[in-house]
Protein backbone atom coordinates (compact mmCIF):
# COMPACT_ATOMS: atom_id res chain seq x y z
CA MET A 1 -40.58 -43.26 21.48
CA ALA A 2 -41.39 -44.24 17.92
CA THR A 3 -38.07 -42.82 16.73
CA LEU A 4 -36.11 -44.76 19.35
CA TRP A 5 -38.02 -47.91 18.39
CA LYS A 6 -37.10 -47.42 14.72
CA ILE A 7 -33.45 -46.80 15.58
CA ALA A 8 -33.31 -49.91 17.79
CA THR A 9 -34.89 -51.99 15.05
CA GLY A 10 -32.59 -50.56 12.38
CA PHE A 11 -29.45 -51.25 14.39
CA ASN A 12 -30.79 -54.58 15.68
CA VAL A 13 -30.26 -53.61 19.32
CA ALA A 14 -32.55 -53.78 22.35
CA PHE A 15 -34.93 -50.84 22.79
CA SER A 16 -33.90 -50.76 26.45
CA ALA A 17 -30.31 -49.95 25.42
CA PHE A 18 -31.52 -46.38 24.86
CA LEU A 19 -33.22 -46.12 28.24
CA GLU A 20 -30.50 -47.18 30.66
CA THR A 21 -26.99 -48.46 30.96
CA ALA A 22 -27.32 -52.13 31.77
CA PRO A 23 -24.64 -53.69 33.96
CA LEU A 24 -23.35 -57.14 33.10
CA GLN A 25 -25.77 -59.69 34.46
CA PRO A 26 -25.17 -63.20 35.76
CA ALA A 27 -26.48 -66.18 33.77
CA ALA A 28 -29.79 -66.26 35.67
CA MET A 29 -31.51 -63.37 37.39
CA LEU A 30 -35.00 -62.89 38.81
CA HIS A 31 -36.76 -59.64 37.87
CA ARG A 32 -40.00 -58.62 39.49
CA TYR A 33 -42.54 -56.33 37.87
CA GLY A 34 -41.98 -52.80 39.13
CA GLU A 35 -38.32 -53.32 40.09
CA LEU A 36 -36.98 -52.44 36.65
CA PRO A 37 -36.57 -48.75 35.74
CA ILE A 38 -39.62 -47.05 34.24
CA PHE A 39 -39.27 -44.54 31.41
CA ASN A 40 -41.72 -41.64 31.72
CA GLN A 41 -42.40 -39.10 29.02
CA ASP A 42 -44.58 -36.48 30.71
CA ASN A 43 -45.06 -34.27 27.67
CA ALA A 44 -46.58 -37.24 25.80
CA ASP A 45 -48.58 -38.54 28.81
CA MET A 46 -47.10 -42.00 28.51
CA ARG A 47 -44.70 -44.35 30.25
CA VAL A 48 -42.86 -47.51 29.26
CA VAL A 49 -42.63 -50.28 31.85
CA PRO A 50 -40.30 -53.21 31.11
CA LEU A 51 -41.83 -56.64 31.67
CA PHE A 52 -38.73 -58.60 30.64
CA PRO A 53 -35.28 -57.05 30.25
CA PHE A 54 -33.36 -57.70 27.04
CA ASP A 55 -32.19 -61.31 26.78
CA HIS A 56 -29.15 -61.68 24.52
CA GLN A 57 -29.82 -65.37 23.89
CA LEU A 58 -33.43 -64.84 22.83
CA GLY A 59 -32.80 -61.43 21.27
CA PHE A 60 -35.83 -59.56 22.61
CA ASP A 61 -37.25 -57.59 25.49
CA MET A 62 -40.89 -56.87 26.33
CA PHE A 63 -42.55 -53.66 27.49
CA VAL A 64 -45.96 -52.36 28.51
CA ILE A 65 -46.73 -48.89 27.16
CA ASP A 66 -49.23 -47.00 29.31
CA LEU A 67 -50.97 -44.10 27.59
CA SER A 68 -52.88 -41.53 29.60
CA PRO A 69 -56.43 -40.87 28.46
CA TRP A 70 -56.72 -38.13 25.89
CA ARG A 71 -57.32 -34.67 27.37
CA ALA A 72 -59.26 -31.84 25.73
CA GLN A 73 -57.12 -28.75 25.37
């Protein structure tokens, strides 16, 4: 995840561009929490849930990163 974040920042593209192929969207669209695709990384016990998809006019998207509690091995 950190590597993808660095690549997105370096190329000045949305982080979500690496998670899905986004179809062209109309000028206004309503997104509800939980309806957008969730990126799970089971081997890292984490998931990334988009709160707001990338907005080209504003130039940002927002995510919640859920980390599982640490497990003793």
